[in-house]
Protein backbone atom coordinates (compact mmCIF):
# COMPACT_ATOMS: atom_id res chain seq x y z
CA MET A 1 50.31 136.08 -6.84
CA LYS A 2 46.82 137.17 -7.48
CA ALA A 3 45.36 137.27 -10.94
CA MET A 4 45.49 140.24 -12.67
CA LYS A 5 43.23 142.50 -14.86
CA GLY A 6 44.86 144.61 -17.47
CA THR A 7 44.11 148.58 -17.46
CA CYS A 8 46.48 149.11 -20.54
CA MET A 9 48.46 147.24 -22.85
CA GLU A 10 50.71 144.78 -20.95
CA HIS A 11 53.06 141.75 -21.74
CA PHE A 12 51.33 139.39 -19.43
CA ILE A 13 53.45 136.66 -17.69
CA CYS A 14 51.88 133.22 -16.85
CA VAL A 15 52.40 132.62 -12.92
CA THR A 16 52.79 128.89 -13.24
CA CYS A 17 55.48 128.53 -16.11
CA GLY A 18 56.81 132.15 -16.15
CA THR A 19 56.22 132.74 -20.07
CA GLN A 20 55.65 136.27 -21.20
CA PHE A 21 52.97 136.90 -23.78
CA PRO A 22 52.27 139.53 -26.54
CA ALA A 23 51.14 142.80 -25.47
CA SER A 24 47.29 142.91 -24.80
CA ALA A 25 44.86 145.17 -23.02
CA ALA A 26 43.69 141.96 -20.81
CA PRO A 27 45.30 138.58 -19.97
CA PRO A 28 45.13 135.83 -22.32
CA ARG A 29 42.31 133.34 -21.95
CA GLN A 30 44.84 130.37 -21.19
CA CYS A 31 48.45 129.55 -21.61
CA PRO A 32 49.05 126.90 -24.18
CA ILE A 33 52.34 125.81 -22.47
CA CYS A 34 50.43 125.07 -19.18
CA GLU A 35 47.72 123.52 -20.98
CA ASP A 36 49.98 120.92 -22.62
CA GLU A 37 50.25 117.63 -20.91
CA ARG A 38 54.03 118.37 -20.06
CA GLN A 39 52.91 121.03 -17.83
CA TYR A 40 50.05 121.97 -15.76
CA VAL A 41 47.76 124.78 -14.80
CA GLY A 42 48.29 125.94 -11.39
CA TRP A 43 45.86 124.64 -8.75
CA GLU A 44 44.28 127.97 -8.39
CA GLY A 45 43.74 128.30 -12.02
CA GLN A 46 45.25 130.30 -14.63
CA GLN A 47 46.89 133.31 -13.10
CA TRP A 48 48.87 136.38 -14.68
CA THR A 49 51.38 138.87 -13.55
CA THR A 50 53.69 141.53 -15.07
CA LEU A 51 57.31 142.16 -15.23
CA ALA A 52 56.78 145.29 -13.19
CA ALA A 53 54.81 143.50 -10.49
CA LEU A 54 57.49 140.60 -10.41
CA THR A 55 60.40 143.18 -9.77
CA ALA A 56 58.41 144.72 -6.85
CA ASP A 57 58.83 141.71 -4.66
CA HIS A 58 61.41 139.29 -6.35
CA ARG A 59 65.10 139.47 -7.10
CA ASN A 60 67.73 137.40 -8.81
CA GLU A 61 70.52 135.58 -7.18
CA ILE A 62 73.54 135.47 -9.25
CA ARG A 63 76.09 132.71 -8.47
CA GLU A 64 79.56 131.89 -9.98
CA GLU A 65 79.46 128.05 -10.56
CA GLU A 66 82.92 127.85 -12.09
CA PRO A 67 85.33 129.96 -13.93
CA ASN A 68 83.54 131.75 -16.63
CA LEU A 69 80.08 130.35 -15.73
CA HIS A 70 77.47 132.24 -13.55
CA SER A 71 73.87 131.04 -12.82
CA PHE A 72 70.81 133.35 -12.38
CA ARG A 73 67.73 132.36 -10.25
CA THR A 74 64.78 134.13 -8.89
CA GLU A 75 63.96 134.44 -5.05
CA PRO A 76 61.43 133.64 -3.88
CA LYS A 77 60.99 131.07 -6.47
CA PHE A 78 58.96 131.98 -9.53
CA GLY A 79 57.32 129.94 -12.17
CA ILE A 80 59.14 126.66 -12.69
CA GLY A 81 62.01 127.75 -10.65
CA GLN A 82 64.95 126.97 -13.22
CA ARG A 83 68.31 128.78 -13.32
CA ALA A 84 69.66 130.53 -16.28
CA PHE A 85 73.39 130.73 -16.97
CA LEU A 86 75.85 133.13 -18.50
CA ILE A 87 78.79 131.55 -20.45
CA GLN A 88 81.65 133.87 -20.83
CA THR A 89 84.20 133.51 -23.63
CA ASP A 90 86.72 135.90 -25.16
CA GLN A 91 84.46 136.05 -28.43
CA GLY A 92 81.29 137.11 -26.32
CA ASN A 93 78.89 135.63 -23.90
CA LEU A 94 75.97 133.12 -24.27
CA LEU A 95 72.91 133.16 -22.15
CA TRP A 96 71.85 129.55 -21.71
CA ASP A 97 68.26 128.92 -20.86
CA CYS A 98 66.29 131.88 -19.57
CA ILE A 99 64.23 133.24 -16.33
CA THR A 100 61.41 135.83 -16.43
CA LEU A 101 62.77 138.33 -13.97
CA LEU A 102 65.05 140.96 -15.54
CA ASP A 103 65.54 143.93 -13.21
CA ASP A 104 68.23 146.73 -12.92
CA PRO A 105 70.58 145.07 -10.75
CA THR A 106 70.62 141.98 -13.24
CA ARG A 107 71.13 144.07 -16.18
CA GLU A 108 74.02 145.82 -14.35
CA ALA A 109 75.37 142.31 -13.10
CA VAL A 110 75.28 141.14 -16.76
CA ARG A 111 77.08 144.16 -18.27
CA ARG A 112 80.00 143.72 -15.73
CA LEU A 113 80.45 140.16 -16.82
CA GLY A 114 80.58 141.39 -20.50
CA GLY A 115 76.96 141.32 -21.83
CA ILE A 116 75.21 138.90 -24.03
CA ARG A 117 76.14 137.90 -27.43
CA ALA A 118 73.46 135.54 -28.18
CA ILE A 119 70.72 133.39 -26.25
CA ALA A 120 69.93 129.79 -26.54
CA ILE A 121 67.09 127.79 -24.61
CA SER A 122 66.65 124.33 -24.34
CA HIS A 123 63.05 123.96 -24.65
CA PRO A 124 59.63 125.90 -24.31
CA HIS A 125 59.52 125.67 -20.42
CA TYR A 126 62.17 128.14 -20.28
CA TYR A 127 61.30 130.75 -23.13
CA SER A 128 59.99 132.71 -20.12
CA ALA A 129 60.87 136.63 -20.92
CA MET A 130 63.43 135.89 -23.60
CA VAL A 131 62.62 138.62 -25.70
CA GLU A 132 63.01 141.08 -22.80
CA TRP A 133 66.45 139.82 -22.34
CA SER A 134 67.30 139.99 -25.84
CA ARG A 135 66.10 143.72 -26.25
CA ALA A 136 68.02 144.58 -22.86
CA PHE A 137 71.28 143.53 -24.59
CA GLY A 138 70.94 144.88 -28.03
CA ASP A 139 68.36 142.55 -29.78
CA VAL A 140 70.86 139.94 -29.48
CA PRO A 141 69.69 136.55 -31.62
CA ILE A 142 67.74 133.81 -29.69
CA TYR A 143 68.66 130.45 -31.10
CA LEU A 144 65.80 127.83 -31.05
CA HIS A 145 65.16 124.74 -32.87
CA GLU A 146 62.73 125.20 -35.77
CA SER A 147 60.35 122.29 -34.43
CA GLU A 148 59.27 124.50 -31.41
CA GLN A 149 58.02 127.42 -33.38
CA PRO A 150 54.50 126.82 -32.17
CA TRP A 151 55.68 127.12 -28.51
CA VAL A 152 56.96 130.80 -28.85
CA MET A 153 54.12 132.86 -27.36
CA ARG A 154 56.08 136.18 -27.86
CA THR A 155 57.29 136.37 -31.35
CA ASP A 156 60.03 138.66 -32.32
CA ASN A 157 62.56 139.22 -35.04
CA ALA A 158 65.30 138.26 -32.63
CA VAL A 159 64.09 134.81 -32.61
CA GLN A 160 66.18 132.67 -34.94
CA PHE A 161 65.00 129.13 -35.86
CA TRP A 162 67.70 126.53 -36.85
CA LYS A 163 67.30 123.33 -38.62
CA GLY A 164 69.00 119.84 -38.32
CA GLU A 165 70.78 118.03 -35.84
CA GLU A 166 73.50 120.55 -34.54
CA ARG A 167 74.26 124.33 -34.91
CA GLU A 168 77.73 125.65 -34.19
CA LEU A 169 77.81 129.00 -32.57
CA TRP A 170 81.35 130.38 -31.49
CA LYS A 171 84.48 129.11 -29.58
CA GLY A 172 83.60 125.57 -29.64
CA LEU A 173 79.95 126.04 -28.27
CA ARG A 174 77.42 123.77 -29.96
CA LEU A 175 73.63 123.24 -30.01
CA VAL A 176 72.65 119.53 -30.33
CA ARG A 177 69.05 118.64 -30.98
CA THR A 178 68.17 115.38 -29.03
CA GLY A 179 64.45 115.44 -29.20
CA GLY A 180 62.47 113.55 -26.44
CA HIS A 181 61.05 115.90 -24.00
CA PHE A 182 60.13 118.04 -26.96
CA GLU A 183 60.66 117.54 -30.73
CA GLY A 184 63.29 120.31 -30.81
CA TYR A 185 64.76 119.74 -27.60
CA GLN A 186 68.40 121.12 -27.69
CA VAL A 187 71.43 120.87 -25.20
CA LEU A 188 74.55 122.86 -25.23
CA HIS A 189 77.95 121.59 -25.31
CA TRP A 190 80.65 123.73 -23.80
CA PRO A 191 84.02 122.27 -24.61
CA ASP A 192 86.20 124.69 -22.81
CA GLY A 193 83.99 123.97 -19.31
CA ALA A 194 85.21 122.09 -16.36
CA GLY A 195 88.82 123.02 -16.87
CA ASP A 196 88.81 122.11 -20.57
CA LYS A 197 87.22 118.83 -19.92
CA GLY A 198 83.75 119.75 -21.31
CA VAL A 199 80.36 120.55 -20.06
CA LEU A 200 76.99 119.63 -21.08
CA MET A 201 74.26 122.24 -20.34
CA SER A 202 71.29 120.03 -20.30
CA GLY A 203 68.34 121.92 -18.93
CA ASP A 204 65.77 119.32 -18.21
CA GLN A 205 67.33 116.50 -20.30
CA PRO A 206 68.96 114.55 -19.12
CA GLN A 207 67.66 115.74 -15.75
CA VAL A 208 70.14 115.49 -12.93
CA CYS A 209 68.79 113.25 -10.29
CA MET A 210 68.50 114.11 -6.67
CA ASP A 211 71.33 111.41 -6.35
CA ARG A 212 73.53 113.41 -8.61
CA ARG A 213 75.49 110.18 -9.49
CA TRP A 214 72.60 109.63 -11.97
CA VAL A 215 70.48 111.33 -14.56
CA SER A 216 66.97 110.64 -15.99
CA PHE A 217 64.70 111.24 -18.81
CA MET A 218 60.75 112.00 -18.94
CA TRP A 219 58.40 113.26 -21.40
CA SER A 220 56.44 114.91 -18.48
CA TYR A 221 58.24 115.72 -15.32
CA PRO A 222 55.23 117.16 -13.24
CA ASN A 223 52.89 114.47 -14.42
CA MET A 224 55.36 111.81 -14.39
CA ILE A 225 54.97 110.47 -18.12
CA PRO A 226 58.28 108.57 -19.15
CA LEU A 227 59.90 108.80 -22.54
CA SER A 228 59.94 105.44 -24.67
CA PRO A 229 63.17 103.18 -25.16
CA ALA A 230 63.13 104.32 -28.65
CA LYS A 231 63.53 107.92 -27.79
CA ILE A 232 66.01 107.40 -25.08
CA ARG A 233 68.40 105.55 -27.78
CA LYS A 234 67.98 108.69 -30.04
CA ILE A 235 69.04 110.93 -26.97
CA VAL A 236 72.11 108.83 -26.29
CA LYS A 237 72.98 108.76 -29.92
CA ALA A 238 73.12 112.57 -29.94
CA LEU A 239 74.84 112.75 -26.71
CA GLU A 240 77.51 110.01 -26.98
CA PRO A 241 79.84 111.69 -29.32
CA LEU A 242 80.25 114.69 -26.95
CA PRO A 243 83.24 114.84 -24.53
CA PHE A 244 82.04 116.22 -21.19
CA ASP A 245 83.02 115.84 -17.50
CA ARG A 246 80.22 117.93 -15.85
CA VAL A 247 76.68 118.20 -16.55
CA TYR A 248 74.61 121.29 -15.34
CA GLY A 249 70.82 120.79 -14.74
CA ALA A 250 68.26 123.43 -14.80
CA PHE A 251 67.72 123.61 -11.06
CA PRO A 252 70.02 124.86 -8.09
CA GLY A 253 72.29 122.10 -6.88
CA LEU A 254 71.51 119.73 -9.68
CA THR A 255 75.00 119.39 -11.06
CA VAL A 256 77.03 116.07 -12.07
CA ALA A 257 80.27 117.33 -10.78
CA GLU A 258 82.52 114.90 -12.63
CA ASP A 259 82.60 111.58 -14.92
CA GLY A 260 79.18 113.33 -16.33
CA ARG A 261 79.44 111.49 -19.77
CA ASN A 262 79.66 108.14 -18.31
CA VAL A 263 76.91 109.10 -15.72
CA VAL A 264 74.74 109.90 -18.86
CA LEU A 265 75.39 106.41 -20.56
CA ARG A 266 74.80 104.46 -17.67
CA SER A 267 71.93 106.14 -16.50
CA ALA A 268 70.19 105.50 -20.03
CA GLU A 269 71.09 101.89 -19.67
CA ARG A 270 69.38 101.66 -16.26
CA TYR A 271 66.18 103.51 -17.61
CA LEU A 272 66.04 101.24 -20.51
CA ARG A 273 66.43 98.05 -18.21
CA ALA A 274 63.64 99.27 -16.10
CA MET A 275 61.31 100.08 -18.99
CA GLU A 276 62.01 96.56 -20.67
CA SER A 277 61.87 94.35 -17.88
């Protein structure tokens, strides 16, 4: 996509990370999320687009991953390329993580699946167009950890910052702060997933490896900066009490299908051996 110049007030979107910014007459000078060492500015420099422009040549692919779980990803790939997930419960649906594109077919599909009661997002790289999604489904709350307030580029009353180490939602859904990749990084535990064996919605951390028998951990994935052993141990301490058989990572196909909890624990042990040898 080409860099864009504003002619009216627009919510400009960073092409590299997909984050939407407050309305302005011209694109922002930079994207703080991409300027951070955990991300990067695109090789052609900072570029911007809008939701209208994105809708013109992209679409969302919706897939049923398992009963009561659908994923959404944008084709052709836009931004970081993550998928969002809709978890269905009889007390309302949760959108876990987020993508930038929200078009009419996606709205209709989500409504057919029961709409959205709330949104929760693992970390700032996936905040994308979270405010657009919230407003489209009745100004639903967006749950983020309070540590990530500086990374919210488009503020809104729907954004609700929580404190502490865990936040209960409903129907057993629980947000757990792990730290690591970001100070307020959060995962989602879905106890009813995987046939009641439990699911960990991990986003980028733990990151499901290409060899899906393993996961790994990084402070910066694109720039390959590892996490310290102390931070890995903190992540393990947060995840160890959770019962889960399956792990859904942020990217299409990167799912640990079974024995997820043991996969995470032995992967952390492997990481620590490598770091401390």
